[in-house]
Protein backbone atom coordinates (compact mmCIF):
# COMPACT_ATOMS: atom_id res chain seq x y z
CA MET A 1 -31.47 -187.55 41.73
CA LEU A 2 -30.91 -188.77 44.64
CA THR A 3 -29.44 -192.16 44.04
CA HIS A 4 -28.15 -193.73 47.76
CA LEU A 5 -28.49 -192.88 51.10
CA SER A 6 -26.37 -194.11 53.78
CA ILE A 7 -27.39 -194.15 57.34
CA GLN A 8 -24.94 -195.62 60.36
CA ASN A 9 -25.66 -195.61 64.52
CA PHE A 10 -28.19 -193.15 64.03
CA THR A 11 -31.12 -193.02 66.07
CA LEU A 12 -32.63 -196.92 66.08
CA VAL A 13 -30.45 -197.20 63.02
CA ASP A 14 -27.18 -199.20 63.49
CA LYS A 15 -26.52 -199.33 59.28
CA LEU A 16 -28.59 -198.53 56.90
CA ASP A 17 -27.09 -198.85 52.85
CA LEU A 18 -30.36 -197.83 50.44
CA GLU A 19 -30.35 -197.76 46.99
CA LEU A 20 -32.52 -195.07 45.31
CA HIS A 21 -34.23 -195.09 41.48
CA GLU A 22 -36.17 -192.93 39.58
CA GLY A 23 -40.20 -193.16 39.61
CA MET A 24 -42.29 -193.27 43.06
CA THR A 25 -41.14 -195.01 45.63
CA ALA A 26 -43.32 -195.20 48.80
CA LEU A 27 -41.79 -195.90 52.28
CA THR A 28 -44.29 -197.84 54.42
CA GLY A 29 -44.14 -199.10 58.37
CA GLU A 30 -46.50 -199.81 61.58
CA THR A 31 -47.22 -196.61 63.92
CA GLY A 32 -43.68 -196.15 65.63
CA ALA A 33 -41.72 -198.16 63.24
CA GLY A 34 -39.51 -195.34 62.21
CA LYS A 35 -40.42 -194.23 58.72
CA SER A 36 -39.43 -190.86 59.14
CA ILE A 37 -35.94 -191.56 60.63
CA MET A 38 -34.77 -191.82 56.78
CA LEU A 39 -35.81 -188.76 56.17
CA ASP A 40 -34.65 -186.96 59.27
CA ALA A 41 -31.40 -188.46 58.13
CA LEU A 42 -31.85 -187.14 54.44
CA GLY A 43 -32.69 -183.53 56.55
CA LEU A 44 -29.36 -183.64 58.25
CA ALA A 45 -27.23 -184.29 54.77
CA LEU A 46 -29.01 -181.23 53.87
CA GLY A 47 -27.97 -179.12 56.42
CA ASP A 48 -30.62 -179.88 59.00
CA ARG A 49 -29.92 -178.60 62.47
CA GLY A 50 -28.22 -181.46 64.76
CA ASP A 51 -27.69 -182.77 68.26
CA GLY A 52 -25.68 -185.28 70.06
CA GLU A 53 -29.30 -187.43 71.14
CA LYS A 54 -29.78 -188.74 67.60
CA VAL A 55 -26.66 -190.37 68.26
CA ARG A 56 -26.82 -194.13 68.56
CA GLU A 57 -27.16 -195.01 72.15
CA GLY A 58 -23.75 -196.43 73.20
CA SER A 59 -22.11 -195.56 69.13
CA ALA A 60 -19.45 -192.20 69.22
CA LYS A 61 -20.70 -190.82 66.37
CA ALA A 62 -23.46 -190.91 64.04
CA GLU A 63 -22.73 -190.43 60.20
CA ILE A 64 -25.13 -189.97 57.11
CA THR A 65 -24.24 -189.64 53.32
CA ALA A 66 -26.24 -189.05 50.27
CA THR A 67 -25.41 -189.08 47.13
CA PHE A 68 -26.86 -187.52 44.26
CA ASP A 69 -26.80 -187.92 40.33
CA VAL A 70 -26.87 -184.11 39.28
CA SER A 71 -26.50 -184.52 35.33
CA LYS A 72 -29.65 -182.98 35.15
CA THR A 73 -28.97 -180.39 37.12
CA PRO A 74 -27.28 -177.82 35.77
CA ASP A 75 -28.07 -175.30 38.99
CA ALA A 76 -26.46 -177.91 41.18
CA LYS A 77 -23.14 -178.36 38.47
CA ALA A 78 -22.42 -174.94 38.07
CA TRP A 79 -22.63 -174.55 42.06
CA LEU A 80 -19.98 -176.86 42.39
CA LYS A 81 -17.90 -175.82 39.67
CA GLU A 82 -18.17 -172.62 41.14
CA LEU A 83 -16.81 -173.63 44.45
CA ASP A 84 -14.71 -176.03 42.64
CA ILE A 85 -16.08 -179.14 44.43
CA ASP A 86 -17.48 -181.05 41.30
CA SER A 87 -16.73 -184.57 40.60
CA ASP A 88 -18.44 -185.13 37.34
CA ASN A 89 -21.72 -186.18 36.98
CA GLU A 90 -21.87 -187.76 40.90
CA CYS A 91 -22.08 -185.21 44.44
CA ILE A 92 -21.96 -186.57 48.02
CA LEU A 93 -22.62 -185.10 50.66
CA ARG A 94 -22.08 -186.50 54.41
CA ARG A 95 -22.53 -185.28 57.82
CA VAL A 96 -21.23 -186.70 60.81
CA ILE A 97 -22.57 -185.69 64.13
CA THR A 98 -20.72 -186.51 67.65
CA SER A 99 -22.41 -187.91 70.82
CA GLU A 100 -21.11 -184.93 72.64
CA GLY A 101 -23.14 -182.65 69.57
CA ARG A 102 -20.28 -181.86 67.42
CA SER A 103 -21.59 -181.74 63.71
CA ARG A 104 -19.19 -181.61 60.67
CA GLY A 105 -20.80 -181.63 56.73
CA TYR A 106 -18.87 -182.43 53.84
CA ILE A 107 -19.34 -181.81 49.90
CA ASN A 108 -17.58 -184.49 47.95
CA GLY A 109 -15.20 -184.92 50.32
CA GLN A 110 -14.16 -181.10 50.84
CA PRO A 111 -15.62 -179.25 54.15
CA ALA A 112 -18.70 -177.63 54.72
CA THR A 113 -20.35 -175.17 56.10
CA MET A 114 -24.20 -176.07 56.90
CA SER A 115 -25.35 -173.00 54.79
CA GLN A 116 -23.43 -174.22 51.78
CA LEU A 117 -24.91 -177.92 52.29
CA ARG A 118 -28.74 -176.15 52.81
CA GLU A 119 -27.48 -174.38 49.82
CA LEU A 120 -27.00 -176.94 47.34
CA GLY A 121 -29.65 -178.88 48.71
CA ASP A 122 -32.16 -176.57 47.68
CA MET A 123 -31.32 -177.81 44.12
CA LEU A 124 -31.45 -181.26 44.95
CA ILE A 125 -34.21 -182.40 46.93
CA ASP A 126 -37.01 -180.52 47.88
CA ILE A 127 -39.32 -181.73 51.16
CA HIS A 128 -42.47 -181.26 51.57
CA SER A 129 -43.76 -182.00 55.46
CA GLN A 130 -44.77 -180.47 58.42
CA HIS A 131 -41.40 -179.70 59.73
CA GLU A 132 -38.60 -177.39 58.82
CA HIS A 133 -37.53 -178.32 55.87
CA GLN A 134 -40.95 -176.78 54.53
CA SER A 135 -40.13 -174.70 51.60
CA LEU A 136 -43.74 -173.72 50.82
CA LEU A 137 -43.73 -171.65 53.38
CA ARG A 138 -40.85 -169.14 51.94
CA LYS A 139 -41.62 -166.59 50.20
CA ASP A 140 -38.64 -166.76 47.81
CA THR A 141 -40.15 -170.42 46.75
CA HIS A 142 -43.37 -168.63 45.69
CA ARG A 143 -42.05 -166.30 43.64
CA LEU A 144 -39.57 -168.63 42.41
CA LEU A 145 -42.17 -171.26 41.75
CA LEU A 146 -44.82 -168.91 39.93
CA ASP A 147 -41.55 -167.51 37.98
CA ALA A 148 -40.92 -170.81 36.39
CA TYR A 149 -44.99 -171.78 35.72
CA GLY A 150 -44.90 -168.82 33.76
CA GLY A 151 -41.41 -169.33 32.13
CA HIS A 152 -39.93 -166.14 32.76
CA ILE A 153 -37.04 -166.99 34.95
CA ALA A 154 -35.19 -165.36 32.15
CA LEU A 155 -36.69 -162.26 32.54
CA ALA A 156 -36.39 -162.01 36.41
CA GLU A 157 -32.72 -162.76 36.37
CA GLN A 158 -32.46 -159.35 33.84
CA THR A 159 -34.73 -157.73 36.27
CA GLN A 160 -32.35 -158.43 38.90
CA GLU A 161 -28.92 -157.51 37.41
CA ALA A 162 -30.24 -154.36 36.13
CA PHE A 163 -31.43 -153.50 39.79
CA GLY A 164 -27.93 -154.92 40.66
CA ARG A 165 -26.01 -152.26 37.69
CA TRP A 166 -28.46 -149.11 38.98
CA LYS A 167 -28.10 -150.30 42.60
CA ALA A 168 -24.04 -150.19 42.79
CA LEU A 169 -24.05 -146.78 40.53
CA ARG A 170 -26.71 -145.67 42.46
CA ALA A 171 -24.38 -146.26 46.06
CA LYS A 172 -21.17 -144.65 44.54
CA LEU A 173 -23.06 -141.66 43.19
CA ASP A 174 -24.57 -140.96 46.38
CA GLN A 175 -20.94 -141.36 47.99
CA LEU A 176 -19.64 -138.76 45.61
CA LEU A 177 -22.36 -136.17 46.57
CA GLN A 178 -22.08 -136.50 50.05
CA ALA A 179 -18.44 -136.22 50.58
CA SER A 180 -18.38 -133.58 47.60
CA GLU A 181 -17.26 -130.73 49.55
CA GLU A 182 -14.75 -132.65 51.83
CA ILE A 183 -13.67 -134.10 48.04
CA ALA A 184 -13.11 -130.84 46.42
CA ASN A 185 -11.11 -129.55 49.73
CA ARG A 186 -8.65 -132.79 49.63
CA GLN A 187 -8.50 -132.55 45.75
CA GLN A 188 -7.22 -128.66 46.28
CA LEU A 189 -4.59 -129.50 48.96
CA LEU A 190 -3.95 -132.64 46.60
CA GLN A 191 -2.84 -130.95 43.26
CA PHE A 192 -0.73 -128.38 45.86
CA GLN A 193 1.08 -130.92 46.97
CA VAL A 194 1.43 -132.90 43.51
CA GLU A 195 2.70 -129.74 41.42
CA GLU A 196 5.43 -128.94 44.47
CA LEU A 197 6.68 -132.34 44.30
CA ASP A 198 6.19 -132.52 40.76
CA LEU A 199 8.92 -129.46 41.06
CA ILE A 200 11.35 -131.57 43.38
CA ASP A 201 11.09 -134.18 40.87
CA LEU A 202 13.27 -136.53 42.41
CA LYS A 203 14.51 -139.33 40.51
CA SER A 204 15.09 -143.07 42.18
CA GLY A 205 18.93 -143.20 43.78
CA GLU A 206 19.34 -139.33 43.09
CA LEU A 207 19.63 -138.70 46.61
CA LYS A 208 22.33 -141.05 47.24
CA GLU A 209 24.58 -139.76 44.28
CA LEU A 210 23.82 -135.88 45.42
CA GLU A 211 25.08 -136.53 48.71
CA GLN A 212 28.23 -138.49 47.97
CA GLN A 213 28.92 -135.45 45.46
CA GLN A 214 28.52 -132.96 47.68
CA LYS A 215 30.87 -134.63 50.55
CA GLN A 216 33.27 -135.08 47.73
CA LEU A 217 33.19 -131.95 46.88
CA ALA A 218 32.80 -130.10 50.46
CA ASN A 219 35.86 -131.62 51.20
CA ALA A 220 37.76 -130.86 48.10
CA GLU A 221 40.54 -129.00 49.69
CA SER A 222 41.46 -130.44 52.46
CA HIS A 223 41.96 -133.68 50.54
CA LEU A 224 44.11 -131.57 47.89
CA LEU A 225 46.08 -130.08 50.85
CA THR A 226 46.57 -133.80 52.59
CA CYS A 227 47.64 -135.32 49.27
CA GLN A 228 50.60 -132.61 48.47
CA GLN A 229 51.98 -133.25 52.20
CA VAL A 230 51.32 -137.12 51.41
CA MET A 231 53.25 -136.65 47.80
CA GLU A 232 55.98 -134.49 49.61
CA LEU A 233 57.05 -136.99 52.39
CA CYS A 234 57.39 -139.37 49.76
CA SER A 235 59.62 -137.84 47.25
CA GLY A 236 60.95 -134.69 48.77
CA ASP A 237 64.49 -133.77 48.09
CA GLU A 238 65.98 -134.23 51.37
CA GLN A 239 63.53 -135.56 53.62
CA GLY A 240 61.45 -137.57 51.34
CA LEU A 241 60.83 -141.40 52.08
CA GLU A 242 62.28 -142.21 48.69
CA THR A 243 65.35 -139.98 49.38
CA GLN A 244 66.26 -141.99 52.73
CA ILE A 245 64.87 -145.45 51.59
CA HIS A 246 67.47 -144.95 48.62
CA HIS A 247 70.40 -143.82 50.96
CA ALA A 248 69.60 -146.24 53.20
CA LEU A 249 70.43 -148.64 50.03
CA THR A 250 73.64 -147.25 48.77
CA GLN A 251 75.50 -147.78 52.38
CA LEU A 252 74.40 -151.04 52.28
CA ASN A 253 75.81 -151.94 49.41
CA LYS A 254 79.20 -150.42 49.95
CA ILE A 255 79.55 -153.28 52.70
CA ASP A 256 81.61 -156.20 51.10
CA ILE A 257 80.28 -159.38 52.89
CA ASP A 258 78.02 -162.33 51.29
CA HIS A 259 75.57 -162.58 53.94
CA ALA A 260 72.01 -163.19 53.56
CA ALA A 261 70.39 -160.83 56.46
CA ILE A 262 72.01 -158.03 54.39
CA LYS A 263 70.83 -159.32 51.26
CA GLU A 264 67.09 -159.75 52.44
CA ALA A 265 67.56 -156.04 53.76
CA VAL A 266 68.56 -155.02 50.58
CA GLU A 267 65.10 -156.81 49.08
CA LEU A 268 62.56 -155.19 51.43
CA LEU A 269 64.46 -151.99 50.88
CA THR A 270 64.19 -151.77 47.35
CA SER A 271 60.72 -153.29 46.91
CA ALA A 272 59.90 -150.34 49.58
CA GLU A 273 61.35 -147.85 47.42
CA ILE A 274 59.21 -148.68 44.62
CA GLN A 275 56.00 -149.12 46.72
CA ILE A 276 56.44 -145.75 47.71
CA GLN A 277 57.37 -144.98 44.22
CA GLU A 278 54.00 -146.17 43.25
CA ALA A 279 51.97 -144.69 46.19
CA SER A 280 52.85 -141.60 45.30
CA HIS A 281 52.00 -141.31 41.76
CA ALA A 282 48.82 -142.94 42.56
CA VAL A 283 48.41 -139.24 45.23
CA SER A 284 49.43 -137.55 42.31
CA HIS A 285 46.88 -139.08 40.09
CA PHE A 286 43.98 -138.42 42.45
CA VAL A 287 45.35 -135.08 42.52
CA ASP A 288 45.36 -134.26 38.99
CA ALA A 289 41.82 -135.84 38.54
CA THR A 290 40.14 -133.84 41.62
CA GLY A 291 39.19 -129.97 41.24
CA VAL A 292 37.74 -127.53 43.40
CA ASP A 293 34.31 -126.10 41.79
CA PRO A 294 32.37 -124.01 44.34
CA ALA A 295 29.83 -123.30 41.82
CA LYS A 296 28.85 -127.19 40.97
CA LEU A 297 29.01 -127.41 45.32
CA GLU A 298 26.83 -124.82 45.96
CA GLU A 299 24.52 -126.06 43.20
CA ILE A 300 24.48 -129.78 45.06
CA GLU A 301 24.18 -128.04 48.52
CA GLN A 302 20.81 -126.41 47.37
CA ARG A 303 18.57 -129.12 45.63
CA LEU A 304 19.95 -131.42 49.01
CA SER A 305 18.26 -128.43 51.11
CA ASP A 306 15.31 -128.52 48.56
CA ILE A 307 14.68 -132.31 49.12
CA TYR A 308 14.95 -131.94 52.92
CA GLN A 309 12.84 -129.13 53.45
CA CYS A 310 10.29 -130.69 51.04
CA ALA A 311 10.60 -133.88 53.13
CA ARG A 312 10.68 -132.48 56.58
CA LYS A 313 7.32 -130.54 55.56
CA HIS A 314 5.62 -133.79 54.52
CA ARG A 315 7.34 -135.56 58.13
CA VAL A 316 8.68 -138.54 55.70
CA HIS A 317 12.60 -139.58 55.51
CA PRO A 318 13.71 -137.73 52.09
CA THR A 319 13.99 -141.59 50.32
CA GLU A 320 10.34 -141.69 50.81
CA LEU A 321 9.32 -138.40 48.50
CA ILE A 322 9.56 -140.79 45.46
CA GLU A 323 7.08 -143.07 47.01
CA LEU A 324 4.37 -140.37 48.50
CA HIS A 325 4.67 -138.09 45.60
CA GLU A 326 2.98 -141.30 43.48
CA LYS A 327 0.75 -142.05 46.38
CA LEU A 328 -0.82 -138.51 46.33
CA GLN A 329 -0.93 -138.69 42.59
CA GLU A 330 -2.95 -141.79 42.62
CA GLU A 331 -5.14 -140.22 44.96
CA LEU A 332 -5.58 -136.91 42.92
CA ASP A 333 -6.33 -139.42 40.25
CA ASN A 334 -9.00 -141.32 41.67
CA LEU A 335 -10.60 -137.77 43.47
CA ALA A 336 -11.11 -136.57 39.14
CA SER A 337 -14.30 -138.80 38.87
CA ILE A 338 -16.01 -136.21 41.28
CA GLU A 339 -15.63 -133.87 37.69
CA LYS A 340 -18.10 -136.48 36.48
CA LEU A 341 -20.57 -135.92 38.42
CA ALA A 342 -22.99 -135.01 35.83
CA GLU A 343 -21.71 -138.09 33.46
CA LEU A 344 -22.62 -140.68 36.31
CA GLU A 345 -26.25 -138.81 36.89
CA THR A 346 -27.00 -139.65 33.23
CA GLN A 347 -25.76 -143.32 33.85
CA GLU A 348 -27.88 -143.56 36.80
CA ILE A 349 -31.07 -142.64 34.91
CA GLN A 350 -30.68 -144.86 32.21
CA LEU A 351 -29.90 -147.80 34.58
CA ARG A 352 -32.77 -146.80 36.53
CA ASP A 353 -35.18 -146.26 33.58
CA THR A 354 -34.14 -150.13 31.99
CA PHE A 355 -34.54 -152.06 35.55
CA PHE A 356 -38.05 -150.62 35.35
CA ALA A 357 -38.43 -151.12 32.05
CA LEU A 358 -37.77 -154.51 32.68
CA ALA A 359 -40.03 -154.89 36.20
CA GLN A 360 -43.00 -153.67 34.31
CA ASP A 361 -42.25 -156.48 32.13
CA LEU A 362 -42.22 -159.00 34.68
CA THR A 363 -45.15 -157.73 36.44
CA LYS A 364 -47.70 -158.17 33.52
CA ALA A 365 -46.07 -161.72 33.18
CA ARG A 366 -46.26 -162.33 36.60
CA GLU A 367 -50.24 -161.16 36.73
CA GLN A 368 -51.11 -163.42 34.44
CA SER A 369 -48.93 -166.35 35.25
CA SER A 370 -50.55 -166.00 38.52
CA ALA A 371 -54.09 -166.36 37.98
CA LYS A 372 -53.46 -169.09 35.48
CA LEU A 373 -51.33 -170.74 38.44
CA SER A 374 -54.54 -169.98 40.89
CA LYS A 375 -56.79 -171.56 38.82
CA ALA A 376 -54.38 -175.07 37.86
CA VAL A 377 -53.82 -174.96 41.75
CA ASN A 378 -57.70 -174.68 42.19
CA ALA A 379 -58.69 -177.90 39.93
CA GLN A 380 -56.37 -179.91 41.70
CA LEU A 381 -57.46 -178.92 45.10
CA LYS A 382 -60.70 -180.26 44.27
CA LYS A 383 -59.04 -183.88 43.38
CA LEU A 384 -57.85 -183.83 46.65
CA SER A 385 -61.21 -183.58 48.55
CA MET A 386 -60.38 -179.85 49.47
CA ALA A 387 -63.25 -178.42 47.44
CA ASN A 388 -64.23 -175.42 49.30
CA ALA A 389 -60.43 -174.54 49.59
CA ARG A 390 -59.33 -171.26 47.66
CA PHE A 391 -55.72 -170.71 46.10
CA ALA A 392 -54.44 -167.36 45.60
CA VAL A 393 -51.08 -165.90 44.33
CA THR A 394 -51.17 -162.75 45.04
CA LEU A 395 -48.67 -159.87 43.66
CA HIS A 396 -47.98 -157.06 46.54
CA ASP A 397 -46.98 -153.66 45.27
CA GLN A 398 -43.50 -152.59 45.86
CA HIS A 399 -43.00 -149.34 43.82
CA GLU A 400 -41.88 -147.13 46.38
CA GLN A 401 -39.35 -150.23 47.57
CA PRO A 402 -38.26 -152.06 44.22
CA SER A 403 -35.95 -154.99 45.01
CA SER A 404 -33.93 -156.79 42.82
CA HIS A 405 -36.91 -159.25 42.62
CA GLY A 406 -39.28 -156.62 40.54
CA LEU A 407 -41.76 -154.10 41.88
CA GLU A 408 -43.77 -156.91 43.42
CA SER A 409 -43.32 -159.32 46.10
CA VAL A 410 -45.07 -162.58 45.76
CA GLU A 411 -47.25 -164.58 47.90
CA PHE A 412 -49.34 -168.16 47.53
CA LEU A 413 -52.61 -166.96 50.36
CA ILE A 414 -55.45 -169.94 50.89
CA SER A 415 -58.63 -169.77 52.40
CA THR A 416 -60.23 -173.50 53.28
CA ASN A 417 -63.26 -172.12 54.44
CA PRO A 418 -65.95 -170.79 52.57
CA GLY A 419 -66.96 -167.27 52.29
CA SER A 420 -63.37 -166.71 54.17
CA GLU A 421 -60.86 -164.35 52.90
CA PRO A 422 -57.40 -165.98 51.58
CA LYS A 423 -54.67 -165.69 54.08
CA SER A 424 -50.98 -166.85 54.52
CA LEU A 425 -50.72 -170.39 54.13
CA ALA A 426 -48.50 -170.71 57.92
CA LYS A 427 -51.43 -168.51 59.53
CA ILE A 428 -54.38 -170.87 57.74
CA ALA A 429 -52.82 -174.47 56.81
CA SER A 430 -53.22 -177.43 58.42
CA GLY A 431 -50.06 -179.68 58.47
CA GLY A 432 -52.35 -182.13 56.27
CA GLU A 433 -53.88 -179.28 54.43
CA LEU A 434 -50.67 -178.28 53.79
CA SER A 435 -48.73 -181.15 52.30
CA ARG A 436 -51.85 -181.32 49.88
CA ILE A 437 -51.76 -177.99 49.00
CA SER A 438 -48.18 -178.87 48.54
CA LEU A 439 -48.87 -181.53 46.52
CA ALA A 440 -51.48 -179.69 44.03
CA ILE A 441 -49.11 -176.64 43.41
CA VAL A 442 -45.66 -178.76 42.40
CA VAL A 443 -48.14 -181.14 40.47
CA VAL A 444 -48.97 -177.93 38.12
CA ALA A 445 -45.22 -176.98 38.28
CA ALA A 446 -43.70 -180.14 37.66
CA LYS A 447 -43.53 -179.31 34.11
CA THR A 448 -41.15 -176.60 34.71
CA SER A 449 -39.79 -177.29 38.12
CA ARG A 450 -35.81 -177.83 38.34
CA ILE A 451 -35.16 -179.66 41.59
CA PRO A 452 -35.08 -183.41 40.35
CA THR A 453 -35.96 -185.40 43.72
CA LEU A 454 -39.62 -184.61 45.59
CA VAL A 455 -40.24 -186.17 49.26
CA PHE A 456 -43.88 -186.20 50.63
CA ASP A 457 -43.65 -186.67 54.13
CA GLU A 458 -47.36 -188.24 55.39
CA VAL A 459 -48.88 -186.23 52.36
CA ASP A 460 -52.04 -188.51 52.68
CA VAL A 461 -53.16 -187.27 56.54
CA GLY A 462 -56.76 -186.64 56.66
CA ILE A 463 -57.33 -188.40 53.56
CA GLY A 464 -58.88 -191.71 52.25
CA GLY A 465 -61.30 -193.56 49.88
CA ALA A 466 -61.25 -192.11 46.52
CA THR A 467 -58.92 -189.23 47.53
CA ALA A 468 -56.47 -191.42 48.60
CA ASP A 469 -56.17 -193.07 44.99
CA VAL A 470 -56.07 -189.36 43.11
CA VAL A 471 -53.30 -188.50 45.54
CA GLY A 472 -51.98 -191.81 44.16
CA ALA A 473 -51.76 -191.56 40.96
CA LEU A 474 -50.73 -187.92 41.13
CA LEU A 475 -47.40 -189.23 43.37
CA ARG A 476 -47.11 -191.46 40.06
CA THR A 477 -47.30 -189.32 37.35
CA LEU A 478 -44.66 -186.58 38.89
CA GLY A 479 -42.30 -190.24 39.37
CA LYS A 480 -42.64 -190.41 36.06
CA ARG A 481 -41.09 -187.05 35.45
CA GLY A 482 -38.35 -187.22 37.75
CA GLN A 483 -37.92 -189.17 41.41
CA VAL A 484 -40.72 -188.92 44.36
CA ILE A 485 -40.39 -190.41 47.76
CA CYS A 486 -43.75 -190.83 49.43
CA VAL A 487 -43.90 -191.53 53.31
CA THR A 488 -47.52 -192.91 53.79
CA HIS A 489 -49.76 -195.00 55.92
CA LEU A 490 -52.31 -195.58 53.02
CA GLY A 491 -52.74 -198.51 51.15
CA GLN A 492 -53.83 -196.83 47.79
CA VAL A 493 -51.28 -194.43 47.74
CA ALA A 494 -48.30 -197.18 48.54
CA ALA A 495 -50.25 -199.39 45.88
CA LYS A 496 -48.92 -196.87 43.03
CA ALA A 497 -45.73 -196.33 44.19
CA HIS A 498 -42.83 -198.25 41.21
CA HIS A 499 -40.68 -198.84 44.34
CA HIS A 500 -41.62 -199.97 47.50
CA LEU A 501 -39.65 -199.41 51.02
CA GLN A 502 -41.48 -201.06 54.52
CA VAL A 503 -39.51 -199.70 57.87
CA GLU A 504 -39.55 -202.42 60.33
CA LYS A 505 -39.24 -202.20 63.82
CA GLN A 506 -36.52 -204.91 65.29
CA LEU A 507 -36.12 -205.65 69.14
CA GLY A 508 -33.03 -206.59 70.44
CA LYS A 509 -32.02 -207.90 73.80
CA LYS A 510 -30.30 -204.74 74.61
CA GLN A 511 -31.39 -202.45 71.89
CA VAL A 512 -34.36 -201.43 69.32
CA SER A 513 -33.63 -200.92 66.09
CA SER A 514 -35.20 -200.20 62.67
CA ARG A 515 -34.10 -202.25 59.58
CA LEU A 516 -35.56 -201.16 55.73
CA ARG A 517 -36.61 -203.79 53.16
CA ILE A 518 -37.46 -203.20 49.55
CA LEU A 519 -40.83 -204.82 48.81
CA GLU A 520 -41.31 -207.35 45.80
CA GLY A 521 -44.23 -209.48 44.73
CA GLU A 522 -46.22 -211.00 47.59
CA GLU A 523 -44.33 -208.75 50.21
CA LYS A 524 -45.95 -206.16 48.57
CA ILE A 525 -49.15 -207.67 47.85
CA LEU A 526 -48.73 -208.56 51.94
CA GLU A 527 -47.89 -204.87 53.03
CA ILE A 528 -50.81 -203.05 50.83
CA ALA A 529 -53.09 -205.51 52.57
CA ARG A 530 -51.96 -205.09 56.13
CA MET A 531 -52.21 -201.18 55.37
CA ILE A 532 -55.99 -201.63 54.02
CA GLY A 533 -56.99 -203.60 56.96
CA GLY A 534 -54.78 -204.47 59.43
CA GLU A 535 -55.81 -208.05 59.58
CA LEU A 536 -54.88 -210.05 56.53
CA THR A 537 -57.86 -211.86 55.15
CA ASP A 538 -58.63 -213.38 51.71
CA GLN A 539 -60.46 -210.55 50.86
CA SER A 540 -57.79 -208.02 51.73
CA LEU A 541 -54.73 -209.86 50.17
CA ALA A 542 -57.50 -210.17 46.98
CA HIS A 543 -57.78 -206.33 46.56
CA ALA A 544 -54.41 -205.28 47.33
CA LYS A 545 -53.35 -207.72 44.81
CA GLU A 546 -56.40 -205.78 42.59
CA MET A 547 -54.90 -202.37 43.34
CA LEU A 548 -51.38 -202.88 42.44
CA GLU A 549 -52.84 -204.65 39.11
CA ARG A 550 -54.60 -201.76 38.71
CA SER A 551 -51.60 -199.76 39.33
CA GLU A 552 -49.45 -201.22 36.51
CA VAL A 553 -51.97 -199.69 34.16
CA LEU A 554 -51.12 -196.71 34.86
CA ASN A 555 -47.15 -197.14 32.96
């Protein structure tokens, strides 16, 4: 339920912080005082369209914050948890509108779209009024109210799930059937390509290894010849480097002089002789390890040729053949489902039969509930001075075009004149009549309603006397089951409220403003007396006090 409403710089309101409670709350005030401001602000918090003209003159922005207790609203809690913006049992909706017309919305401090505010708002509060938040004009509301009243919401949800499964498989089956010829051709091509790549069977890293082996084997003869020449150069009999250096060392050792330069030259030549010997041994080792294998070379070159030719055929780099092989195999596996068309067709028929069986059960349940709901609402309408009105719940057959909601659409119809056929609520009912019709429906459906807060704006338009007492009693009864907020101009209705708020217009030096006051005791008597007779007299005050005392008995 709505527990707190904060309004800042909105139309005539400078700043307002209001605590709200369970039960029925009456909102009263003289004409033009701004009774609708609270509901307009609440509507903005719930995602209504806003503009810069709503910002109080001289202010940069307007801000509205509505706080709800969602501990008894499982649908809203589940919705918040799904979006990961839940905050225990409290939910805070915030809306900011700048004077330039820019608007931002928040849910529990997280940015939210207007559609998200509206979707969540529909679970938290239902505003019955003559403006755009009137849910009673939507056929979806008619269906939900009927299913809730009849206790077949679970059956409706099962029907919706069955429809979704059926349609999902039907769509998949249609897609396969429409593309069956193309799929068969594609499957044949893929089969050929995959088998070709299966024969190549290229392994990871194999191409690089083959290229290295091919290069090594192809150059083996020239490499061996070069190595033989190097070995001859290093250790040849007369002209080899090793022989020449050894001869140089012999000559230097014949010099009988103890000189540093000669010693250094001997050391360097000795080191060079050793390194040349080691280099010769290393080259000799390579020669021993390297062989010429024409057959192996031919085998490797043929393998490389097959790989390169396959890559050219598929217009990819040879290194991409493995990835292409996997991709084509995966596509082929997916296309294999075409072979299961018969199996899918059987499943589709089973899902269709399941949906129609549930939908037919739902139709029977709705037929029974619609008659009971029509009778109950018509009984309430008589109490609300609409004895000539005839309310009817109509089920429009949709067997040819079933939907997730079943085999029919649900619509509430009304006739306000004797002898005329019931027609759409939007076309027949006036604003005041619509409010009373809404009240009658809500009273009947209240026991099964999931929405904790009901708001009625001017629900008593065009009525008075005993009917006004009935409306007030009905609203008070609804308040016992949850929370009811009612904007009213009738003392008979306000007297039935558990809580009373008065809107007053204040004239300042530069601006007009509205303020909201909680009335208790004598203040409450004075306000109801004003609503009854305009002028305060002993008679109107006594009458107001009597009305309040009678209301207390209703508890």
